[in-house]
């Protein structure tokens, strides 16, 4: 039976009880206080809980036992302006390689009067899209993948005969996603392995609250100087095949509050008549015992 039918049914029950009490009062009958008040309280709690629609508060409520083929999109992130890169160069000649690793310190820590600030040190991609690399000088990095930048640095090292068979490893120091809105802990998540799914990010942010819209989660992604906006429904299995199942660096996830949180209009329309009936019932009981 739909939830709203339960509410209507119990509203009728309340009014029926009120009629019974009026009849008892006209006949001067006596009621047992120890049974009436606890019973009334239990009924009010039961009615309130029965009227709450929990269908939209459940993840993937239309998914049964199944096997879903994963269509993982290209997760290779594109280097953008203001990215912070760790670039490590190695070769058979350790001493010759060392000059290219001067900025490969993991973090720098500074203390203030109220907190400790940890800042990563690496190669900052400037607004012109370039990085300043030791010996090689300016190297354009923006709009390239890590593999493309790796190949470029390796090629330059070999062409200038600086190293023999160099190995270059690049990683993002600022790979992070932001989760805002109706979650347990809105936060910025640093992703060490450069791969995180939407569900993992929500879990790390303390999961969605009961007031969250699970069928309309907003994803904001910046690519090629454009903002890509997508709406994601967590109540269906389509999320598992979505190209936005895995997040990319600098993605922002915003979880909207539902109507119950914003204005309580939906629930109020159902519960207010019940509440008024309960108050009128309590009024009758109080006037009977006075």
Protein backbone atom coordinates (compact mmCIF):
# COMPACT_ATOMS: atom_id res chain seq x y z
CA UNK A 1 0.00 0.00 0.00
CA UNK A 2 1.40 3.47 -0.83
CA UNK A 3 2.60 5.58 2.05
CA UNK A 4 0.03 8.32 1.53
CA UNK A 5 -2.80 5.76 1.90
CA UNK A 6 -1.38 4.79 5.30
CA UNK A 7 -1.47 8.44 6.31
CA UNK A 8 -5.07 8.86 5.16
CA UNK A 9 -6.07 5.68 6.95
CA UNK A 10 -4.55 6.73 10.25
CA UNK A 11 -6.05 10.20 9.91
CA UNK A 12 -9.44 8.55 9.73
CA UNK A 13 -8.53 6.42 12.76
CA UNK A 14 -7.69 9.55 14.74
CA UNK A 15 -11.00 11.12 13.92
CA UNK A 16 -12.78 7.89 14.79
CA UNK A 17 -11.08 7.85 18.20
CA UNK A 18 -12.11 11.45 18.75
CA UNK A 19 -15.73 10.52 18.10
CA UNK A 20 -15.43 7.64 20.55
CA UNK A 21 -14.04 9.95 23.23
CA UNK A 22 -16.86 12.40 22.69
CA UNK A 23 -19.32 9.56 23.09
CA UNK A 24 -17.60 8.44 26.31
CA UNK A 25 -17.74 11.98 27.68
CA UNK A 26 -21.46 12.29 26.96
CA UNK A 27 -22.13 8.98 28.72
CA UNK A 28 -19.85 9.91 31.69
CA UNK A 29 -17.82 6.74 31.26
CA UNK A 30 -14.41 6.37 32.88
CA UNK A 31 -11.12 5.67 30.98
CA UNK A 32 -7.92 4.13 32.26
CA UNK A 33 -5.23 6.86 32.17
CA UNK A 34 -2.37 4.39 32.38
CA UNK A 35 -3.49 2.73 29.16
CA UNK A 36 -4.83 5.67 27.20
CA UNK A 37 -1.88 8.07 27.17
CA UNK A 38 0.89 5.52 26.35
CA UNK A 39 -1.32 4.00 23.69
CA UNK A 40 -1.94 7.40 22.15
CA UNK A 41 1.78 8.20 22.14
CA UNK A 42 2.63 4.91 20.42
CA UNK A 43 -0.01 5.57 17.78
CA UNK A 44 1.35 9.04 17.01
CA UNK A 45 4.90 7.68 16.62
CA UNK A 46 3.68 4.85 14.44
CA UNK A 47 1.68 7.20 12.21
CA UNK A 48 4.61 9.58 11.77
CA UNK A 49 7.00 6.78 10.84
CA UNK A 50 4.47 5.20 8.50
CA UNK A 51 4.09 8.39 6.50
CA UNK A 52 7.79 8.76 5.71
CA UNK A 53 8.70 7.65 2.20
CA UNK A 54 11.98 5.72 2.37
CA UNK A 55 12.11 4.64 -1.27
CA UNK A 56 14.17 7.61 -2.41
CA UNK A 57 16.53 7.30 0.57
CA UNK A 58 17.91 3.96 -0.65
CA UNK A 59 20.76 3.52 -3.11
CA UNK A 60 20.04 1.49 -6.28
CA UNK A 61 16.53 0.50 -5.17
CA UNK A 62 15.65 -0.99 -8.57
CA UNK A 63 18.69 -3.26 -8.85
CA UNK A 64 18.37 -7.01 -8.42
CA UNK A 65 20.95 -9.76 -8.80
CA UNK A 66 22.76 -9.02 -12.04
CA UNK A 67 26.11 -8.70 -13.76
CA UNK A 68 26.88 -5.28 -15.18
CA UNK A 69 29.63 -4.92 -17.74
CA UNK A 70 31.99 -2.15 -16.78
CA UNK A 71 32.73 0.39 -19.48
CA UNK A 72 35.62 2.26 -17.90
CA UNK A 73 36.34 5.48 -19.78
CA UNK A 74 39.79 6.84 -20.46
CA UNK A 75 40.99 7.80 -16.99
CA UNK A 76 44.26 9.32 -18.13
CA UNK A 77 44.06 12.85 -16.73
CA UNK A 78 44.97 15.83 -18.86
CA UNK A 79 47.54 18.20 -17.39
CA UNK A 80 46.07 21.65 -16.90
CA UNK A 81 47.32 25.05 -15.86
CA UNK A 82 48.04 25.36 -12.12
CA UNK A 83 48.54 21.59 -11.77
CA UNK A 84 51.36 20.49 -9.49
CA UNK A 85 53.48 17.62 -10.82
CA UNK A 86 56.03 15.33 -9.26
CA UNK A 87 58.61 14.35 -11.91
CA UNK A 88 61.25 11.78 -11.01
CA UNK A 89 64.10 10.95 -13.37
CA UNK A 90 66.31 7.88 -13.02
CA UNK A 91 68.95 6.13 -15.10
CA UNK A 92 71.96 3.85 -14.76
CA UNK A 93 73.99 6.89 -13.72
CA UNK A 94 72.47 7.88 -10.37
CA UNK A 95 74.68 10.95 -9.95
CA UNK A 96 73.78 12.34 -13.37
CA UNK A 97 70.09 11.74 -12.69
CA UNK A 98 70.14 13.51 -9.33
CA UNK A 99 70.30 17.01 -10.84
CA UNK A 100 66.82 16.50 -12.34
CA UNK A 101 65.23 15.55 -9.00
CA UNK A 102 65.80 18.69 -6.98
CA UNK A 103 62.05 19.34 -6.57
CA UNK A 104 61.04 15.80 -5.66
CA UNK A 105 60.61 16.53 -1.97
CA UNK A 106 57.21 15.16 -0.91
CA UNK A 107 56.00 18.01 1.30
CA UNK A 108 56.97 21.19 3.06
CA UNK A 109 55.49 21.89 6.49
CA UNK A 110 55.05 25.26 8.15
CA UNK A 111 53.50 25.98 11.52
CA UNK A 112 51.19 28.84 12.47
CA UNK A 113 49.79 29.83 15.83
CA UNK A 114 46.65 27.77 15.24
CA UNK A 115 47.55 24.97 12.82
CA UNK A 116 50.15 23.20 10.76
CA UNK A 117 50.08 23.78 7.00
CA UNK A 118 51.40 21.07 4.70
CA UNK A 119 52.21 22.10 1.14
CA UNK A 120 53.40 19.87 -1.66
CA UNK A 121 56.52 20.84 -3.59
CA UNK A 122 56.75 19.99 -7.27
CA UNK A 123 56.64 21.43 -10.75
CA UNK A 124 53.87 24.01 -11.07
CA UNK A 125 52.27 24.32 -14.49
CA UNK A 126 52.19 28.06 -15.13
CA UNK A 127 49.45 30.09 -16.78
CA UNK A 128 51.38 29.80 -20.04
CA UNK A 129 51.11 26.00 -19.72
CA UNK A 130 54.86 25.49 -19.17
CA UNK A 131 57.00 24.03 -16.41
CA UNK A 132 60.58 25.00 -15.63
CA UNK A 133 62.63 21.80 -15.71
CA UNK A 134 66.29 21.62 -14.60
CA UNK A 135 68.79 21.88 -17.47
CA UNK A 136 66.05 21.42 -20.09
CA UNK A 137 64.43 24.76 -19.27
CA UNK A 138 60.84 25.48 -20.34
CA UNK A 139 58.73 22.48 -21.31
CA UNK A 140 55.12 22.86 -22.39
CA UNK A 141 52.92 20.55 -20.29
CA UNK A 142 49.36 21.88 -20.42
CA UNK A 143 46.84 19.81 -22.44
CA UNK A 144 49.19 16.81 -22.47
CA UNK A 145 48.69 13.47 -20.74
CA UNK A 146 51.32 12.17 -18.34
CA UNK A 147 52.51 9.74 -20.99
CA UNK A 148 52.89 12.49 -23.57
CA UNK A 149 54.86 14.68 -21.17
CA UNK A 150 56.97 11.68 -20.15
CA UNK A 151 57.84 10.95 -23.78
CA UNK A 152 58.72 14.61 -24.36
CA UNK A 153 61.10 14.76 -21.37
CA UNK A 154 62.71 11.42 -22.23
CA UNK A 155 63.19 12.56 -25.81
CA UNK A 156 64.82 15.83 -24.72
CA UNK A 157 67.18 14.04 -22.32
CA UNK A 158 68.28 11.62 -25.04
CA UNK A 159 68.55 14.25 -27.79
CA UNK A 160 70.79 16.44 -25.62
CA UNK A 161 72.78 13.39 -24.53
CA UNK A 162 72.24 14.18 -20.86
CA UNK A 163 71.26 10.64 -19.84
CA UNK A 164 71.38 7.16 -21.34
CA UNK A 165 68.10 5.23 -21.28
CA UNK A 166 66.39 7.60 -18.82
CA UNK A 167 63.24 6.59 -16.97
CA UNK A 168 60.76 9.36 -16.15
CA UNK A 169 57.84 8.94 -13.75
CA UNK A 170 55.19 11.66 -13.41
CA UNK A 171 52.38 11.92 -10.88
CA UNK A 172 49.91 14.59 -9.82
CA UNK A 173 50.47 16.17 -6.42
CA UNK A 174 47.17 18.03 -6.55
CA UNK A 175 44.88 15.21 -7.72
CA UNK A 176 41.81 15.96 -5.64
CA UNK A 177 38.03 16.01 -5.78
CA UNK A 178 35.62 18.12 -3.76
CA UNK A 179 32.39 16.84 -2.23
CA UNK A 180 29.84 19.40 -1.00
CA UNK A 181 26.22 19.54 0.12
CA UNK A 182 24.19 16.94 1.97
CA UNK A 183 27.00 14.60 3.03
CA UNK A 184 28.30 13.69 6.44
CA UNK A 185 31.58 15.59 6.06
CA UNK A 186 31.89 18.01 3.11
CA UNK A 187 35.55 17.80 2.21
CA UNK A 188 38.33 17.99 -0.36
CA UNK A 189 39.75 14.51 -1.00
CA UNK A 190 43.35 14.00 -2.07
CA UNK A 191 43.67 10.96 -4.34
CA UNK A 192 47.08 9.34 -4.13
CA UNK A 193 46.52 6.65 -6.77
CA UNK A 194 44.80 9.04 -9.21
CA UNK A 195 41.70 6.88 -9.45
CA UNK A 196 38.51 7.30 -7.44
CA UNK A 197 34.87 6.51 -8.15
CA UNK A 198 31.91 8.68 -7.26
CA UNK A 199 30.77 6.16 -4.65
CA UNK A 200 34.21 6.09 -3.03
CA UNK A 201 34.26 9.88 -2.85
CA UNK A 202 30.83 9.95 -1.20
CA UNK A 203 31.96 7.30 1.27
CA UNK A 204 35.07 9.29 2.19
CA UNK A 205 32.83 12.34 2.68
CA UNK A 206 30.76 10.50 5.27
CA UNK A 207 28.04 9.22 2.90
CA UNK A 208 24.85 11.03 1.93
CA UNK A 209 22.58 12.26 4.70
CA UNK A 210 18.94 11.24 4.92
CA UNK A 211 18.04 14.62 3.42
CA UNK A 212 20.12 14.15 0.26
CA UNK A 213 18.69 13.88 -3.24
CA UNK A 214 20.04 10.58 -4.45
CA UNK A 215 18.45 10.89 -7.87
CA UNK A 216 19.98 14.26 -8.77
CA UNK A 217 23.65 14.45 -7.72
CA UNK A 218 25.48 17.25 -9.51
CA UNK A 219 28.94 16.72 -11.02
CA UNK A 220 31.01 19.70 -12.20
CA UNK A 221 34.06 18.93 -14.33
CA UNK A 222 36.46 21.30 -16.05
CA UNK A 223 38.03 20.20 -19.31
CA UNK A 224 39.55 22.26 -22.08
CA UNK A 225 38.56 25.53 -20.45
CA UNK A 226 34.90 24.47 -20.28
CA UNK A 227 32.69 23.52 -17.34
CA UNK A 228 30.89 20.21 -17.91
CA UNK A 229 27.73 19.82 -15.80
CA UNK A 230 26.14 16.40 -15.35
CA UNK A 231 23.25 15.11 -13.22
CA UNK A 232 23.66 11.59 -11.83
CA UNK A 233 20.93 9.32 -10.47
CA UNK A 234 22.15 7.00 -7.70
CA UNK A 235 18.79 5.22 -7.57
CA UNK A 236 19.43 3.35 -10.83
CA UNK A 237 22.08 0.98 -12.11
CA UNK A 238 22.99 3.39 -14.91
CA UNK A 239 25.63 4.89 -12.60
CA UNK A 240 27.78 1.76 -13.08
CA UNK A 241 28.00 2.26 -16.84
CA UNK A 242 28.20 6.05 -16.76
CA UNK A 243 31.36 7.75 -18.06
CA UNK A 244 31.18 9.82 -14.88
CA UNK A 245 31.35 6.86 -12.51
CA UNK A 246 35.06 7.57 -12.07
CA UNK A 247 35.99 11.10 -11.08
CA UNK A 248 38.81 13.16 -12.52
CA UNK A 249 41.09 15.65 -10.84
CA UNK A 250 39.39 18.87 -9.69
CA UNK A 251 35.90 17.38 -10.08
CA UNK A 252 33.29 18.90 -7.78
CA UNK A 253 30.39 16.77 -6.52
CA UNK A 254 27.42 18.64 -5.07
CA UNK A 255 24.61 16.76 -3.33
CA UNK A 256 21.38 18.72 -3.24
CA UNK A 257 19.04 18.67 -0.23
CA UNK A 258 15.58 17.24 -0.78
CA UNK A 259 12.32 19.07 -0.19
CA UNK A 260 12.14 17.85 3.39
CA UNK A 261 15.34 19.72 4.19
CA UNK A 262 14.64 22.83 2.14
CA UNK A 263 11.10 23.63 3.16
CA UNK A 264 9.47 20.56 4.69
CA UNK A 265 6.55 21.25 2.38
CA UNK A 266 6.02 17.72 1.16
CA UNK A 267 5.97 16.13 4.59
CA UNK A 268 4.07 19.02 6.15
CA UNK A 269 1.18 18.58 3.73
CA UNK A 270 0.77 15.02 4.97
CA UNK A 271 1.66 15.35 8.63
CA UNK A 272 -0.05 18.65 9.51
CA UNK A 273 -3.61 17.25 9.28
CA UNK A 274 -2.52 14.31 11.42
CA UNK A 275 -0.85 16.63 13.90
CA UNK A 276 -3.95 18.82 14.17
CA UNK A 277 -6.10 15.75 14.69
CA UNK A 278 -3.72 14.52 17.39
CA UNK A 279 -3.79 17.90 19.12
CA UNK A 280 -7.56 18.01 19.02
CA UNK A 281 -7.60 14.50 20.44
CA UNK A 282 -5.28 15.54 23.26
CA UNK A 283 -7.49 18.56 23.92
CA UNK A 284 -10.51 16.33 24.33
CA UNK A 285 -8.61 14.03 26.70
CA UNK A 286 -7.34 16.92 28.83
CA UNK A 287 -10.79 18.49 29.03
CA UNK A 288 -12.20 15.09 30.04
CA UNK A 289 -9.80 14.68 32.97
CA UNK A 290 -10.13 18.27 34.26
